[in-house]
Amino acid sequence: MLAVRLPEALENRLTALSAKTQRSKSFYVKKALERLLEEEEDYADALVSYEEYLRSGKKGYSLEEMKQRHGVE
């Protein structure tokens, strides 16, 4: 169980959406949290990968360089 205090304006929007769609406020809070967590986890993974790349000393290539390299216009 988790309790969250929302600013009044956000609570009002959530309540209005819930009433319009006949879905619970919990439904929307869970969906929002799932999306946020997925994005934050992806960002954290990307940051770790980028830091590994920087430590590796390998050269990166721009989009234009890759297009030229592979003959793509």
Protein backbone atom coordinates (compact mmCIF):
# COMPACT_ATOMS: atom_id res chain seq x y z
CA MET A 1 0.00 0.00 0.00
CA LEU A 2 1.25 3.47 -0.86
CA ALA A 3 -0.27 6.83 -0.04
CA VAL A 4 0.56 9.85 -2.17
CA ARG A 5 -0.37 13.47 -1.59
CA LEU A 6 -1.19 15.25 -4.82
CA PRO A 7 -1.46 18.95 -5.46
CA GLU A 8 -5.11 19.99 -5.60
CA ALA A 9 -5.04 20.82 -9.31
CA LEU A 10 -3.61 17.40 -10.18
CA GLU A 11 -6.10 15.64 -7.93
CA ASN A 12 -8.94 17.53 -9.63
CA ARG A 13 -7.73 16.52 -13.09
CA LEU A 14 -7.38 12.91 -12.01
CA THR A 15 -10.85 12.91 -10.48
CA ALA A 16 -12.38 14.46 -13.60
CA LEU A 17 -10.70 11.94 -15.91
CA SER A 18 -11.75 9.09 -13.69
CA ALA A 19 -15.37 10.25 -13.75
CA LYS A 20 -15.35 10.77 -17.55
CA THR A 21 -13.95 7.33 -18.29
CA GLN A 22 -15.50 5.31 -15.48
CA ARG A 23 -12.05 4.08 -14.47
CA SER A 24 -10.60 4.32 -11.01
CA LYS A 25 -8.05 6.92 -10.03
CA SER A 26 -5.80 4.02 -9.02
CA PHE A 27 -5.94 2.73 -12.60
CA TYR A 28 -4.51 6.00 -13.92
CA VAL A 29 -1.93 6.34 -11.17
CA LYS A 30 -0.66 2.80 -11.86
CA LYS A 31 -0.50 3.44 -15.62
CA ALA A 32 1.38 6.70 -15.12
CA LEU A 33 3.82 5.10 -12.70
CA GLU A 34 4.43 2.16 -15.05
CA ARG A 35 5.25 4.55 -17.90
CA LEU A 36 7.49 6.71 -15.74
CA LEU A 37 9.39 3.74 -14.35
CA GLU A 38 9.91 2.28 -17.81
CA GLU A 39 11.30 5.58 -19.08
CA GLU A 40 13.53 6.09 -16.04
CA GLU A 41 14.84 2.51 -16.22
CA ASP A 42 15.62 2.95 -19.93
CA TYR A 43 17.38 6.23 -19.19
CA ALA A 44 19.44 4.65 -16.40
CA ASP A 45 20.45 1.77 -18.70
CA ALA A 46 21.38 4.21 -21.49
CA LEU A 47 23.47 6.28 -19.08
CA VAL A 48 25.40 3.20 -17.94
CA SER A 49 26.00 2.20 -21.57
CA TYR A 50 27.14 5.71 -22.47
CA GLU A 51 29.55 5.83 -19.54
CA GLU A 52 30.96 2.43 -20.58
CA TYR A 53 31.38 3.75 -24.13
CA LEU A 54 33.23 6.84 -22.89
CA ARG A 55 35.57 4.71 -20.76
CA SER A 56 36.27 2.40 -23.71
CA GLY A 57 37.92 5.15 -25.73
CA LYS A 58 36.24 3.90 -28.91
CA LYS A 59 35.44 6.38 -31.68
CA GLY A 60 31.83 7.24 -32.35
CA TYR A 61 30.36 8.12 -35.74
CA SER A 62 27.87 10.80 -36.71
CA LEU A 63 24.75 9.96 -38.69
CA GLU A 64 26.29 11.57 -41.76
CA GLU A 65 29.47 9.50 -41.38
CA MET A 66 27.41 6.30 -41.13
CA LYS A 67 25.35 7.23 -44.19
CA GLN A 68 28.52 7.80 -46.21
CA ARG A 69 30.10 4.62 -44.87
CA HIS A 70 27.13 2.50 -45.89
CA GLY A 71 26.17 4.33 -49.07
CA VAL A 72 22.84 5.60 -47.76
CA GLU A 73 21.45 8.95 -48.90
